Amino acid sequence: MPYAPEHDEVPNPLRPGLRAETPPDPCAMVVFGASGDLAHRKLLPALYNLALGAHLPAAFGIAGVSKSPFTHQEYADGMREAVGKFSRTKPVDPEVWRDFGAGLRYVAGPFDEDDTFRRLAAQLEEVDRTRATRGNRLFYFATPPSTFPTLLKKLHEHRLIRPRNDSRFTRVVIEKPFGRDLASARALNRLVLEVMDEKQVFRIDHYLGKETVQNLLVFRFGNTIFEPIWNRQYVDQVQITAAEELGVESRGRYYEEAGILRDMIQNHVLQLVCLTAMEAPVAFDADAVRDEKIKVLRALCPIDTPEAVAQRVVLGQYTAGQIGGADVPGYQVEKAVAKGSRTPTFVAVKLGINSWRWDGVPFYLRSGKRLPKRTTEIAIQFRRIPHSLFGEGASAPNVLVIRVQPEEGIALRFSAKVPGERYRPRTVSMDFRYGTAFAGAPPEAYERLLLDALKGDQTLFTRKDEVEAAWKLVGGILGVTESPESPPPFSYEAGTWGPREGDALIASDGRAWRRP
């Protein structure tokens, strides 16, 4: 029987024989921080790959804005080089790039000068004429957080942010970190909502664009065999690890201000907690999904006293060591790191959730720099069997592991009989890998999130109340650990899984960290 396309599919003109969903409406996208690392490594390669798959609107243009003095052609040439280096698809298709590159424009100037925004407005009008983008706008803040208020105010003053009820849409994507504490996050939210509607703002966390993170929702709510045991009656503990081999490298100045709690826990890791612990939404739309996530954040047991922090939080900072057989320096000798810095590069946290589903089930979170390997995983460990008929091999608990990165997939560990006459059990693993099952690597997270922003779908973006609830938990910890009376972080050698005190945190409950 011949292939019959779905009603929302159109022919893919760039790849005959392939099909693509209906693309978004025409749009001009503005990237603030266009000469920065994020634009080079992630944003422009992601947009190119969307063009390659015919997911972008036919009428589309990009205007980059930063201080660097480039011409349009110099900027386009630089982005062509960046796409060739960082795109997940290689080599660059010259036919696709011809049209994509022709839509690139550049505006050089400081973000706090009116002339920059006057020239940007003129450039956008030119893009509307030449690329038929109809006045629709997507602004992307790929800049340091300190610039967010300035950009919002200038866009508003120059009437580049239009009301939500305007026939032409305006949307703004804001990178993390959204604030540095609860007070600053609330202040930024107030400013955002003074110049636009909540439906127009897209607070981005690239972890939510990862296929494995999205698959957690399908895995939980698209199957009947796991949801009945996804609760305190059957689950003993949940461990979430987000580990990196790299140190701070050239990000020392940023990391001195952020530290591991702001950089990883407040956003990435707590998002994984929400998706693991949330109830089924009433519908798969933005508000329904985010309503359930905010319930998890509001149910988290606070950690805001010295006693609670001492019992449930361990901070660490890496010293010199070896990773992959190579010597690496300690944090305090990294570039732009203050002498005697107390900034943590590792954290272990024991979370509790006050809900019927999870009461009494600990969520152990761990994240750090200069750990033995780069990995992010969620491990749900089920309760041990009450009595083993077959010896020690069968008493190992069942574990379900969702691998977010790398080698995206899901593994289930259970006991099976070793072939032979005796009943000798052994733990085995049933392993699903994205690359094997779907014959290819999943798309980059930024591809999915940029496409959703172009379509106006906020499901995978964080809402105002969600951001503030996450800061409430993390801010309670920071209020204790950043006080002068708080002890400095424990030391751990680069290439190890953190300080011994992190192991003791979980060992005091009679448990141990997994080794991914």
Protein backbone atom coordinates (compact mmCIF):
# COMPACT_ATOMS: atom_id res chain seq x y z
CA MET A 1 0.00 0.00 0.00
CA PRO A 2 1.51 3.42 -0.92
CA TYR A 3 2.53 5.82 1.82
CA ALA A 4 -0.23 8.28 2.68
CA PRO A 5 0.99 11.46 4.39
CA GLU A 6 -0.73 12.70 7.52
CA HIS A 7 -2.83 15.83 7.18
CA ASP A 8 -0.18 17.97 8.89
CA GLU A 9 2.70 16.81 6.73
CA VAL A 10 4.11 18.55 3.67
CA PRO A 11 6.76 17.44 1.17
CA ASN A 12 10.33 18.13 2.26
CA PRO A 13 11.83 20.12 -0.65
CA LEU A 14 15.39 19.68 0.61
CA ARG A 15 15.25 15.91 0.89
CA PRO A 16 12.92 14.39 -1.75
CA GLY A 17 11.04 11.39 -0.40
CA LEU A 18 11.13 12.60 3.22
CA ARG A 19 8.25 14.29 4.96
CA ALA A 20 8.16 17.05 7.56
CA GLU A 21 5.55 18.56 9.83
CA THR A 22 3.97 21.83 8.82
CA PRO A 23 6.66 24.46 9.50
CA PRO A 24 6.12 27.46 11.79
CA ASP A 25 4.81 30.80 10.57
CA PRO A 26 7.26 33.18 8.83
CA CYS A 27 9.60 34.80 11.34
CA ALA A 28 12.72 36.92 11.80
CA MET A 29 14.89 35.68 14.66
CA VAL A 30 17.26 38.01 16.56
CA VAL A 31 20.18 36.48 18.47
CA PHE A 32 21.69 38.80 21.08
CA GLY A 33 25.21 37.59 21.84
CA ALA A 34 25.57 36.47 18.23
CA SER A 35 29.38 36.28 18.34
CA GLY A 36 29.44 34.22 21.53
CA ASP A 37 30.14 30.57 22.23
CA LEU A 38 26.48 29.52 22.54
CA ALA A 39 25.58 30.98 19.14
CA HIS A 40 28.58 29.32 17.46
CA ARG A 41 28.33 25.90 19.09
CA LYS A 42 24.60 25.41 19.52
CA LEU A 43 22.16 27.96 18.13
CA LEU A 44 23.32 28.42 14.54
CA PRO A 45 24.12 24.71 14.03
CA ALA A 46 20.66 23.86 15.43
CA LEU A 47 18.94 26.36 13.11
CA TYR A 48 20.91 25.01 10.14
CA ASN A 49 19.81 21.46 10.96
CA LEU A 50 16.20 22.62 11.19
CA ALA A 51 16.62 24.14 7.73
CA LEU A 52 18.20 20.91 6.50
CA GLY A 53 15.14 18.97 7.64
CA ALA A 54 12.74 21.56 6.19
CA HIS A 55 11.42 22.43 9.66
CA LEU A 56 12.01 26.18 9.36
CA PRO A 57 9.50 28.40 7.62
CA ALA A 58 10.33 29.17 4.02
CA ALA A 59 10.22 32.86 4.99
CA PHE A 60 12.88 33.08 7.70
CA GLY A 61 15.80 35.33 8.51
CA ILE A 62 18.31 35.76 11.34
CA ALA A 63 19.79 39.00 12.68
CA GLY A 64 22.76 38.67 15.00
CA VAL A 65 23.58 41.42 17.49
CA SER A 66 26.80 41.81 19.49
CA LYS A 67 29.68 44.24 20.03
CA SER A 68 32.08 42.54 17.59
CA PRO A 69 32.55 44.68 14.42
CA PHE A 70 31.46 42.28 11.65
CA THR A 71 29.87 42.99 8.29
CA HIS A 72 26.93 40.87 7.14
CA GLN A 73 29.23 38.77 4.97
CA GLU A 74 31.90 38.35 7.64
CA TYR A 75 29.26 37.17 10.09
CA ALA A 76 27.76 34.75 7.56
CA ASP A 77 31.22 33.36 6.76
CA GLY A 78 31.96 32.89 10.47
CA MET A 79 28.69 31.07 11.01
CA ARG A 80 29.34 28.86 7.98
CA GLU A 81 32.61 27.81 9.61
CA ALA A 82 30.91 27.24 12.97
CA VAL A 83 28.18 25.08 11.42
CA GLY A 84 30.81 23.04 9.58
CA LYS A 85 32.62 22.43 12.87
CA PHE A 86 29.79 21.93 15.37
CA SER A 87 26.77 20.67 13.43
CA ARG A 88 25.71 17.08 14.13
CA THR A 89 25.27 16.64 10.35
CA LYS A 90 28.36 16.90 8.15
CA PRO A 91 29.38 18.09 5.63
CA VAL A 92 27.36 21.28 5.22
CA ASP A 93 24.93 20.98 2.32
CA PRO A 94 25.84 23.85 -0.07
CA GLU A 95 22.30 24.09 -1.48
CA VAL A 96 20.73 24.40 1.97
CA TRP A 97 23.39 26.83 3.16
CA ARG A 98 22.94 29.05 0.11
CA ASP A 99 19.44 30.03 1.19
CA PHE A 100 20.13 29.82 4.95
CA GLY A 101 23.24 32.00 4.71
CA ALA A 102 21.45 34.54 2.53
CA GLY A 103 19.05 35.19 5.40
CA LEU A 104 21.81 36.11 7.88
CA ARG A 105 22.22 39.76 8.93
CA TYR A 106 24.38 41.40 11.57
CA VAL A 107 24.14 44.49 13.77
CA ALA A 108 27.23 45.59 15.72
CA GLY A 109 26.81 47.66 18.87
CA PRO A 110 26.52 47.73 22.67
CA PHE A 111 23.27 46.53 24.20
CA ASP A 112 22.83 49.70 26.27
CA GLU A 113 22.90 52.16 23.34
CA ASP A 114 19.74 53.32 21.58
CA ASP A 115 21.50 53.49 18.23
CA THR A 116 22.03 49.69 18.31
CA PHE A 117 18.28 49.15 18.56
CA ARG A 118 17.44 51.77 15.92
CA ARG A 119 19.73 49.98 13.48
CA LEU A 120 18.29 46.62 14.54
CA ALA A 121 14.76 47.87 13.85
CA ALA A 122 15.82 49.07 10.39
CA GLN A 123 17.50 45.73 9.71
CA LEU A 124 14.37 43.82 10.74
CA GLU A 125 12.27 45.92 8.37
CA GLU A 126 14.70 45.03 5.60
CA VAL A 127 14.43 41.32 6.53
CA ASP A 128 10.62 41.62 6.38
CA ARG A 129 10.88 43.04 2.84
CA THR A 130 13.48 40.64 1.46
CA ARG A 131 12.55 37.46 3.33
CA ALA A 132 8.76 38.03 3.69
CA THR A 133 8.83 37.41 7.48
CA ARG A 134 5.60 39.43 8.02
CA GLY A 135 6.78 41.27 11.12
CA ASN A 136 6.90 38.16 13.36
CA ARG A 137 9.80 38.22 15.83
CA LEU A 138 11.69 35.72 18.02
CA PHE A 139 14.33 37.35 20.24
CA TYR A 140 16.96 35.08 21.83
CA PHE A 141 19.05 36.26 24.80
CA ALA A 142 22.30 34.27 24.42
CA THR A 143 24.01 36.73 26.76
CA PRO A 144 25.16 36.99 30.39
CA PRO A 145 22.23 37.32 32.84
CA SER A 146 23.33 40.85 33.78
CA THR A 147 22.25 42.03 30.31
CA PHE A 148 18.68 40.65 30.49
CA PRO A 149 17.08 43.74 32.12
CA THR A 150 18.83 46.09 29.67
CA LEU A 151 17.71 44.08 26.65
CA LEU A 152 14.11 43.92 27.86
CA LYS A 153 13.95 47.65 28.54
CA LYS A 154 15.54 48.63 25.21
CA LEU A 155 13.32 46.29 23.20
CA HIS A 156 10.30 47.77 24.95
CA GLU A 157 11.42 51.38 24.53
CA HIS A 158 11.97 50.88 20.80
CA ARG A 159 8.61 49.11 20.44
CA LEU A 160 10.19 45.90 19.21
CA ILE A 161 8.13 43.88 21.70
CA ARG A 162 4.53 43.99 20.57
CA PRO A 163 1.46 43.14 22.65
CA ARG A 164 0.29 39.55 22.63
CA ASN A 165 -2.95 40.50 20.88
CA ASP A 166 -1.05 41.99 17.93
CA SER A 167 -1.57 40.11 14.68
CA ARG A 168 2.23 39.72 14.46
CA PHE A 169 3.76 37.57 17.19
CA THR A 170 6.68 38.57 19.43
CA ARG A 171 8.43 35.96 21.59
CA VAL A 172 11.51 36.16 23.79
CA VAL A 173 13.75 33.22 24.72
CA ILE A 174 15.77 33.80 27.91
CA GLU A 175 18.74 31.57 28.75
CA LYS A 176 19.61 30.32 32.21
CA PRO A 177 20.40 31.24 34.88
CA PHE A 178 17.15 33.14 35.36
CA GLY A 179 18.28 35.21 38.34
CA ARG A 180 20.90 34.27 40.92
CA ASP A 181 18.51 33.87 43.87
CA LEU A 182 14.81 34.07 44.65
CA ALA A 183 14.75 37.86 45.01
CA SER A 184 16.52 38.51 41.69
CA ALA A 185 14.39 35.90 39.89
CA ARG A 186 11.23 37.60 41.17
CA ALA A 187 12.56 41.02 40.12
CA LEU A 188 13.39 39.72 36.63
CA ASN A 189 9.98 38.10 36.34
CA ARG A 190 8.33 41.39 37.29
CA LEU A 191 10.30 43.19 34.60
CA VAL A 192 9.51 40.53 32.01
CA LEU A 193 5.79 40.77 32.72
CA GLU A 194 5.86 44.57 32.59
CA VAL A 195 6.87 44.45 28.92
CA MET A 196 5.17 41.26 27.70
CA ASP A 197 2.66 38.54 28.53
CA GLU A 198 3.68 35.22 30.15
CA LYS A 199 2.64 33.48 26.92
CA GLN A 200 5.36 35.42 25.09
CA VAL A 201 8.32 34.43 27.30
CA PHE A 202 10.25 31.17 26.87
CA ARG A 203 12.63 30.47 29.79
CA ILE A 204 14.88 27.83 28.31
CA ASP A 205 16.55 24.85 29.98
CA HIS A 206 18.23 22.78 27.29
CA TYR A 207 17.92 19.58 29.34
CA LEU A 208 14.19 19.60 28.59
CA GLY A 209 15.00 19.43 24.88
CA LYS A 210 16.88 16.15 25.23
CA GLU A 211 15.02 13.22 23.72
CA THR A 212 15.60 10.98 26.74
CA VAL A 213 14.16 13.58 29.11
CA GLN A 214 11.04 13.91 26.95
CA ASN A 215 10.88 10.13 26.65
CA LEU A 216 10.55 9.90 30.43
CA LEU A 217 7.01 11.29 30.07
CA VAL A 218 6.13 8.76 27.37
CA PHE A 219 7.78 5.95 29.32
CA ARG A 220 5.79 6.76 32.45
CA PHE A 221 2.43 7.77 31.02
CA GLY A 222 2.39 5.80 27.77
CA ASN A 223 2.86 2.36 29.36
CA THR A 224 0.75 0.50 31.89
CA ILE A 225 3.41 -1.73 33.45
CA PHE A 226 5.46 0.91 35.31
CA GLU A 227 3.00 3.47 36.65
CA PRO A 228 1.41 1.09 39.24
CA ILE A 229 4.81 0.55 40.90
CA TRP A 230 6.06 4.15 40.53
CA ASN A 231 5.47 5.04 44.18
CA ARG A 232 6.56 4.64 47.80
CA GLN A 233 5.16 1.10 48.04
CA TYR A 234 7.72 -0.24 45.56
CA VAL A 235 10.47 2.38 45.14
CA ASP A 236 13.24 2.42 47.74
CA GLN A 237 15.18 5.45 46.47
CA VAL A 238 15.85 7.64 43.43
CA GLN A 239 19.36 8.74 42.48
CA ILE A 240 19.99 11.50 39.93
CA THR A 241 23.57 12.10 38.80
CA ALA A 242 24.75 14.91 36.51
CA ALA A 243 28.51 14.54 36.20
CA GLU A 244 31.08 16.26 34.01
CA GLU A 245 34.71 15.39 33.30
CA LEU A 246 35.52 18.99 32.43
CA GLY A 247 36.55 21.64 34.91
CA VAL A 248 35.49 25.26 34.66
CA GLU A 249 38.07 25.95 31.91
CA SER A 250 37.44 29.47 30.51
CA ARG A 251 34.27 29.98 32.60
CA GLY A 252 36.03 30.75 35.87
CA ARG A 253 34.55 34.23 36.22
CA TYR A 254 31.02 32.94 35.64
CA TYR A 255 31.53 29.96 37.92
CA GLU A 256 32.80 32.12 40.77
CA GLU A 257 29.42 33.88 40.72
CA ALA A 258 27.31 30.78 40.15
CA GLY A 259 28.78 27.65 41.71
CA ILE A 260 27.33 24.18 41.25
CA LEU A 261 23.98 24.87 42.98
CA ARG A 262 23.05 27.73 40.65
CA ASP A 263 24.65 26.21 37.59
CA MET A 264 23.10 22.73 37.76
CA ILE A 265 20.73 22.04 40.66
CA GLN A 266 18.34 25.01 40.39
CA ASN A 267 17.54 24.22 36.76
CA HIS A 268 18.73 21.00 35.11
CA VAL A 269 18.64 18.60 38.05
CA LEU A 270 15.41 19.87 39.60
CA GLN A 271 13.74 19.56 36.20
CA LEU A 272 14.69 15.87 36.19
CA VAL A 273 13.24 15.56 39.71
CA CYS A 274 9.97 17.09 38.51
CA LEU A 275 9.59 14.79 35.52
CA THR A 276 10.41 11.74 37.64
CA ALA A 277 8.07 12.62 40.51
CA MET A 278 5.14 14.43 38.84
CA GLU A 279 1.61 13.09 38.49
CA ALA A 280 0.06 12.47 35.07
CA PRO A 281 -1.14 15.75 33.53
CA VAL A 282 -4.76 16.05 32.46
CA ALA A 283 -3.57 16.82 28.91
CA PHE A 284 -0.28 17.03 27.09
CA ASP A 285 -0.12 20.79 26.75
CA ALA A 286 2.10 23.48 28.23
CA ASP A 287 0.03 24.53 31.22
CA ALA A 288 -1.14 21.04 32.18
CA VAL A 289 2.41 19.63 32.21
CA ARG A 290 3.82 22.62 34.06
CA ASP A 291 0.99 22.55 36.60
CA GLU A 292 2.11 19.07 37.66
CA LYS A 293 5.79 20.05 37.79
CA ILE A 294 5.11 23.00 40.08
CA LYS A 295 3.26 20.68 42.49
CA VAL A 296 6.46 18.66 42.89
CA LEU A 297 8.57 21.75 43.56
CA ARG A 298 6.11 23.03 46.14
CA ALA A 299 6.13 19.63 47.89
CA LEU A 300 9.93 19.57 48.36
CA CYS A 301 11.01 19.56 51.99
CA PRO A 302 12.84 22.86 52.66
CA ILE A 303 16.55 22.85 53.45
CA ASP A 304 17.04 26.29 54.96
CA THR A 305 18.63 25.89 58.39
CA PRO A 306 22.22 25.03 59.35
CA GLU A 307 21.00 21.78 60.91
CA ALA A 308 19.11 20.72 57.78
CA VAL A 309 22.03 21.62 55.52
CA ALA A 310 24.48 19.70 57.71
CA GLN A 311 22.30 16.58 57.51
CA ARG A 312 21.25 16.75 53.86
CA VAL A 313 23.84 18.69 51.82
CA VAL A 314 27.52 18.11 51.05
CA LEU A 315 29.55 20.61 49.03
CA GLY A 316 32.94 19.91 47.46
CA GLN A 317 35.67 21.59 45.42
CA TYR A 318 38.08 19.71 43.17
CA THR A 319 41.83 19.67 43.64
CA ALA A 320 44.48 18.55 41.15
CA GLY A 321 44.21 15.00 39.89
CA GLN A 322 44.01 12.81 36.81
CA ILE A 323 41.23 12.23 34.29
CA GLY A 324 41.72 9.86 31.40
CA GLY A 325 45.38 9.48 32.32
CA ALA A 326 46.05 13.22 31.99
CA ASP A 327 46.98 15.56 34.84
CA VAL A 328 44.41 18.31 35.47
CA PRO A 329 44.69 21.34 37.78
CA GLY A 330 42.66 22.09 40.87
CA TYR A 331 39.84 24.62 40.88
CA GLN A 332 41.75 27.29 42.78
CA VAL A 333 44.43 27.59 40.07
CA GLU A 334 41.94 27.78 37.19
CA LYS A 335 41.84 31.03 35.19
CA ALA A 336 39.79 33.87 36.77
CA VAL A 337 39.20 31.93 40.02
CA ALA A 338 39.82 33.92 43.20
CA LYS A 339 42.60 32.83 45.51
CA GLY A 340 41.15 30.94 48.46
CA SER A 341 37.79 30.60 46.69
CA ARG A 342 35.02 28.78 48.59
CA THR A 343 32.92 28.22 45.46
CA PRO A 344 31.60 24.63 45.35
CA THR A 345 32.12 22.51 42.23
CA PHE A 346 30.35 19.42 43.65
CA VAL A 347 27.13 18.93 45.56
CA ALA A 348 25.25 15.98 46.99
CA VAL A 349 21.72 16.59 48.28
CA LYS A 350 19.13 14.40 49.97
CA LEU A 351 15.65 15.59 49.03
CA GLY A 352 12.30 14.61 50.46
CA ILE A 353 8.92 15.10 48.78
CA ASN A 354 5.82 15.62 50.92
CA SER A 355 3.25 13.76 48.82
CA TRP A 356 1.20 10.58 49.00
CA ARG A 357 3.21 9.05 46.17
CA TRP A 358 6.70 9.79 47.48
CA ASP A 359 6.50 10.21 51.26
CA GLY A 360 9.54 8.52 52.81
CA VAL A 361 11.35 7.92 49.49
CA PRO A 362 14.67 9.82 49.40
CA PHE A 363 15.77 11.54 46.19
CA TYR A 364 19.57 11.69 46.18
CA LEU A 365 20.99 14.32 43.82
CA ARG A 366 24.64 14.54 42.83
CA SER A 367 26.38 16.89 40.42
CA GLY A 368 29.96 18.00 39.95
CA LYS A 369 32.90 19.06 37.83
CA ARG A 370 36.01 16.95 37.23
CA LEU A 371 34.27 13.68 38.02
CA PRO A 372 35.46 10.44 36.34
CA LYS A 373 33.08 10.61 33.35
CA ARG A 374 30.46 12.75 31.67
CA THR A 375 27.08 11.26 32.42
CA THR A 376 23.57 12.24 33.39
CA GLU A 377 21.20 9.54 34.58
CA ILE A 378 18.11 8.91 36.68
CA ALA A 379 18.19 5.63 38.62
CA ILE A 380 14.99 4.34 40.24
CA GLN A 381 15.93 1.60 42.69
CA PHE A 382 13.07 -0.64 43.77
CA ARG A 383 12.70 -2.29 47.15
CA ARG A 384 14.49 -5.53 47.86
CA ILE A 385 12.49 -8.72 47.87
CA PRO A 386 11.42 -9.62 51.43
CA HIS A 387 12.96 -13.10 51.31
CA SER A 388 15.37 -14.59 48.78
CA LEU A 389 14.69 -18.19 47.76
CA PHE A 390 17.76 -18.42 45.53
CA GLY A 391 20.63 -16.92 47.48
CA GLU A 392 22.46 -13.60 47.39
CA GLY A 393 22.46 -13.18 43.61
CA ALA A 394 18.69 -12.80 43.58
CA SER A 395 18.57 -10.31 46.45
CA ALA A 396 20.04 -7.43 44.43
CA PRO A 397 17.28 -4.85 43.96
CA ASN A 398 15.77 -4.13 40.57
CA VAL A 399 16.99 -0.83 39.12
CA LEU A 400 15.57 1.18 36.25
CA VAL A 401 18.13 3.59 34.75
CA ILE A 402 17.22 6.40 32.35
CA ARG A 403 20.41 7.59 30.65
CA VAL A 404 20.02 11.22 29.62
CA GLN A 405 23.54 11.59 28.21
CA PRO A 406 25.64 10.24 26.63
CA GLU A 407 24.47 6.95 25.03
CA GLU A 408 20.84 7.93 25.53
CA GLY A 409 18.63 5.03 26.55
CA ILE A 410 16.90 3.06 29.29
CA ALA A 411 18.14 -0.04 31.13
CA LEU A 412 16.29 -2.38 33.51
CA ARG A 413 18.27 -4.59 35.88
CA PHE A 414 16.66 -7.77 37.17
CA SER A 415 17.62 -11.30 38.29
CA ALA A 416 17.71 -14.28 35.94
CA LYS A 417 18.81 -17.90 36.27
CA VAL A 418 22.25 -18.84 35.01
CA PRO A 419 21.95 -21.82 32.58
CA GLY A 420 22.61 -25.15 34.27
CA GLU A 421 21.12 -27.58 36.74
CA ARG A 422 21.44 -25.35 39.80
CA TYR A 423 19.24 -22.35 40.56
CA ARG A 424 22.00 -19.78 40.43
CA PRO A 425 20.69 -16.25 39.90
CA ARG A 426 22.58 -13.40 38.29
CA THR A 427 21.68 -9.76 37.71
CA VAL A 428 21.19 -9.04 34.01
CA SER A 429 20.20 -5.92 32.10
CA MET A 430 17.55 -5.26 29.47
CA ASP A 431 18.95 -2.33 27.52
CA PHE A 432 17.29 0.09 25.11
CA ARG A 433 19.53 2.53 23.20
CA TYR A 434 18.24 5.34 21.04
CA GLY A 435 20.96 5.04 18.41
CA THR A 436 20.32 1.32 17.92
CA ALA A 437 16.53 1.34 18.11
CA PHE A 438 16.00 4.32 15.81
CA ALA A 439 19.04 3.92 13.56
CA GLY A 440 20.59 7.27 14.32
CA ALA A 441 21.45 9.79 16.98
CA PRO A 442 18.57 11.92 18.31
CA PRO A 443 18.47 15.59 17.32
CA GLU A 444 20.22 18.15 19.48
CA ALA A 445 18.17 19.60 22.34
CA TYR A 446 18.37 23.12 20.92
CA GLU A 447 16.80 21.97 17.66
CA ARG A 448 13.65 20.85 19.43
CA LEU A 449 13.47 23.88 21.71
CA LEU A 450 14.05 26.43 18.96
CA LEU A 451 11.39 24.80 16.82
CA ASP A 452 8.93 24.84 19.74
CA ALA A 453 9.67 28.53 20.38
CA LEU A 454 9.06 29.32 16.71
CA LYS A 455 5.73 27.49 16.96
CA GLY A 456 4.80 29.08 20.27
CA ASP A 457 4.72 25.79 22.19
CA GLN A 458 5.80 26.39 25.82
CA THR A 459 5.52 22.79 27.07
CA LEU A 460 9.29 22.32 27.39
CA PHE A 461 9.95 25.79 28.82
CA THR A 462 9.73 26.84 32.45
CA ARG A 463 6.97 29.05 33.82
CA LYS A 464 7.30 31.99 36.23
CA ASP A 465 6.06 30.10 39.30
CA GLU A 466 8.23 27.10 38.44
CA VAL A 467 11.41 29.19 38.36
CA GLU A 468 10.60 30.85 41.66
CA ALA A 469 9.73 27.58 43.40
CA ALA A 470 13.07 26.06 42.34
CA TRP A 471 14.90 29.14 43.65
CA LYS A 472 13.05 28.86 46.95
CA LEU A 473 14.63 25.46 47.62
CA VAL A 474 18.11 26.33 46.32
CA GLY A 475 18.00 29.77 47.93
CA GLY A 476 17.40 28.16 51.32
CA ILE A 477 20.58 26.12 50.91
CA LEU A 478 22.59 29.10 49.61
CA GLY A 479 21.45 31.24 52.52
CA VAL A 480 23.25 28.83 54.84
CA THR A 481 26.25 27.73 52.77
CA GLU A 482 27.20 31.26 51.61
CA SER A 483 27.16 32.76 55.08
CA PRO A 484 30.58 33.61 56.60
CA GLU A 485 29.97 31.10 59.40
CA SER A 486 29.53 28.19 56.98
CA PRO A 487 32.53 25.85 56.60
CA PRO A 488 34.32 25.74 53.21
CA PRO A 489 33.54 22.96 50.71
CA PHE A 490 35.22 19.61 51.26
CA SER A 491 38.09 18.79 48.92
CA TYR A 492 38.02 15.97 46.39
CA GLU A 493 40.64 14.87 43.92
CA ALA A 494 39.80 15.43 40.26
CA GLY A 495 38.88 12.11 38.66
CA THR A 496 37.02 10.81 41.73
CA TRP A 497 33.29 10.78 42.51
CA GLY A 498 33.44 13.66 44.96
CA PRO A 499 34.47 14.01 48.61
CA ARG A 500 34.18 11.13 51.08
CA GLU A 501 31.56 13.14 52.93
CA GLY A 502 29.26 12.74 49.91
CA ASP A 503 29.49 8.98 50.28
CA ALA A 504 28.85 9.29 54.01
CA LEU A 505 25.66 11.30 53.34
CA ILE A 506 23.99 8.35 51.65
CA ALA A 507 25.78 5.68 53.71
CA SER A 508 24.14 7.06 56.85
CA ASP A 509 20.84 5.80 55.37
CA GLY A 510 22.32 2.35 54.69
CA ARG A 511 22.62 3.03 50.97
CA ALA A 512 25.41 3.70 48.44
CA TRP A 513 25.86 5.74 45.29
CA ARG A 514 25.64 3.97 41.97
CA ARG A 515 28.73 3.99 39.78
CA PRO A 516 27.36 4.95 36.33
